[in-house]
Amino acid sequence: MEEDPAPYRILRLRAEILELGSAIRQLQREGLDDAAAQLLIARKRAQLDHLVKSDPAGVHHDITGGHRS
């Protein structure tokens, strides 16, 4: 099975991080424990950071969607 291209994985991770952020805010509003979601979002951010740093295209994207060279 071929791995997805880096730009697609970057976009997918950003989408997952946005979803987790929304879930965390909802849990906090309801006064529920958000520790598991916080841990998962930290892992996703680390994956995104690693992927961006190893982007073979040489163009790095920050987590907010901006570009830096």
C-alpha atoms as a PDB file:
ATOM      1  CA  MET A   1       0.000   0.000   0.000  1.00  0.00           C
ATOM      2  CA  GLU A   2       1.453   3.333  -1.047  1.00  0.00           C
ATOM      3  CA  GLU A   3       1.683   6.113   1.530  1.00  0.00           C
ATOM      4  CA  ASP A   4      -0.275   9.333   0.953  1.00  0.00           C
ATOM      5  CA  PRO A   5       1.735  12.283  -0.401  1.00  0.00           C
ATOM      6  CA  ALA A   6       3.091  14.657   2.258  1.00  0.00           C
ATOM      7  CA  PRO A   7       0.840  17.606   1.305  1.00  0.00           C
ATOM      8  CA  TYR A   8      -2.251  15.412   1.710  1.00  0.00           C
ATOM      9  CA  ARG A   9      -1.068  14.102   5.096  1.00  0.00           C
ATOM     10  CA  ILE A  10      -0.360  17.675   6.228  1.00  0.00           C
ATOM     11  CA  LEU A  11      -3.884  18.759   5.287  1.00  0.00           C
ATOM     12  CA  ARG A  12      -5.405  15.691   6.936  1.00  0.00           C
ATOM     13  CA  LEU A  13      -3.490  16.284  10.180  1.00  0.00           C
ATOM     14  CA  ARG A  14      -4.519  19.956  10.218  1.00  0.00           C
ATOM     15  CA  ALA A  15      -8.157  18.917   9.820  1.00  0.00           C
ATOM     16  CA  GLU A  16      -7.822  16.385  12.649  1.00  0.00           C
ATOM     17  CA  ILE A  17      -6.219  19.011  14.893  1.00  0.00           C
ATOM     18  CA  LEU A  18      -9.061  21.444  14.188  1.00  0.00           C
ATOM     19  CA  GLU A  19     -11.618  18.753  15.047  1.00  0.00           C
ATOM     20  CA  LEU A  20      -9.818  17.894  18.266  1.00  0.00           C
ATOM     21  CA  GLY A  21      -9.610  21.559  19.223  1.00  0.00           C
ATOM     22  CA  SER A  22     -13.352  21.848  18.765  1.00  0.00           C
ATOM     23  CA  ALA A  23     -13.949  18.702  20.823  1.00  0.00           C
ATOM     24  CA  ILE A  24     -11.696  20.012  23.602  1.00  0.00           C
ATOM     25  CA  ARG A  25     -13.566  23.322  23.738  1.00  0.00           C
ATOM     26  CA  GLN A  26     -16.875  21.470  23.924  1.00  0.00           C
ATOM     27  CA  LEU A  27     -15.626  19.210  26.725  1.00  0.00           C
ATOM     28  CA  GLN A  28     -14.352  22.250  28.634  1.00  0.00           C
ATOM     29  CA  ARG A  29     -17.682  24.085  28.230  1.00  0.00           C
ATOM     30  CA  GLU A  30     -19.473  21.065  29.659  1.00  0.00           C
ATOM     31  CA  GLY A  31     -17.004  20.748  32.530  1.00  0.00           C
ATOM     32  CA  LEU A  32     -15.817  17.313  31.418  1.00  0.00           C
ATOM     33  CA  ASP A  33     -12.317  15.829  31.476  1.00  0.00           C
ATOM     34  CA  ASP A  34     -10.397  16.711  28.309  1.00  0.00           C
ATOM     35  CA  ALA A  35      -7.066  15.086  29.210  1.00  0.00           C
ATOM     36  CA  ALA A  36      -7.265  12.327  26.594  1.00  0.00           C
ATOM     37  CA  ALA A  37      -8.173  14.814  23.857  1.00  0.00           C
ATOM     38  CA  GLN A  38      -5.344  17.130  24.984  1.00  0.00           C
ATOM     39  CA  LEU A  39      -2.869  14.248  24.748  1.00  0.00           C
ATOM     40  CA  LEU A  40      -4.134  13.251  21.319  1.00  0.00           C
ATOM     41  CA  ILE A  41      -3.938  16.810  19.974  1.00  0.00           C
ATOM     42  CA  ALA A  42      -0.375  17.114  21.285  1.00  0.00           C
ATOM     43  CA  ARG A  43       0.556  13.912  19.443  1.00  0.00           C
ATOM     44  CA  LYS A  44      -1.106  15.118  16.232  1.00  0.00           C
ATOM     45  CA  ARG A  45       0.754  18.442  16.471  1.00  0.00           C
ATOM     46  CA  ALA A  46       4.039  16.564  16.919  1.00  0.00           C
ATOM     47  CA  GLN A  47       3.256  14.407  13.881  1.00  0.00           C
ATOM     48  CA  LEU A  48       2.449  17.515  11.868  1.00  0.00           C
ATOM     49  CA  ASP A  49       5.644  19.232  12.988  1.00  0.00           C
ATOM     50  CA  HIS A  50       7.710  16.177  12.023  1.00  0.00           C
ATOM     51  CA  LEU A  51       5.975  15.882   8.659  1.00  0.00           C
ATOM     52  CA  VAL A  52       6.418  19.566   7.858  1.00  0.00           C
ATOM     53  CA  LYS A  53      10.108  19.432   8.764  1.00  0.00           C
ATOM     54  CA  SER A  54      10.638  16.409   6.526  1.00  0.00           C
ATOM     55  CA  ASP A  55       8.567  17.790   3.598  1.00  0.00           C
ATOM     56  CA  PRO A  56      10.573  16.769   0.511  1.00  0.00           C
ATOM     57  CA  ALA A  57       9.200  19.697  -1.503  1.00  0.00           C
ATOM     58  CA  GLY A  58      11.306  22.039   0.602  1.00  0.00           C
ATOM     59  CA  VAL A  59       8.357  24.309   1.377  1.00  0.00           C
ATOM     60  CA  HIS A  60       7.399  24.224   5.030  1.00  0.00           C
ATOM     61  CA  HIS A  61       3.927  25.051   6.286  1.00  0.00           C
ATOM     62  CA  ASP A  62       3.293  26.176   9.821  1.00  0.00           C
ATOM     63  CA  ILE A  63       0.441  24.696  11.834  1.00  0.00           C
ATOM     64  CA  THR A  64      -1.808  27.684  11.103  1.00  0.00           C
ATOM     65  CA  GLY A  65      -1.588  27.108   7.363  1.00  0.00           C
ATOM     66  CA  GLY A  66       0.934  29.809   6.509  1.00  0.00           C
ATOM     67  CA  HIS A  67       4.081  29.216   4.524  1.00  0.00           C
ATOM     68  CA  ARG A  68       7.681  29.725   5.459  1.00  0.00           C
ATOM     69  CA  SER A  69      10.824  28.928   3.480  1.00  0.00           C
END
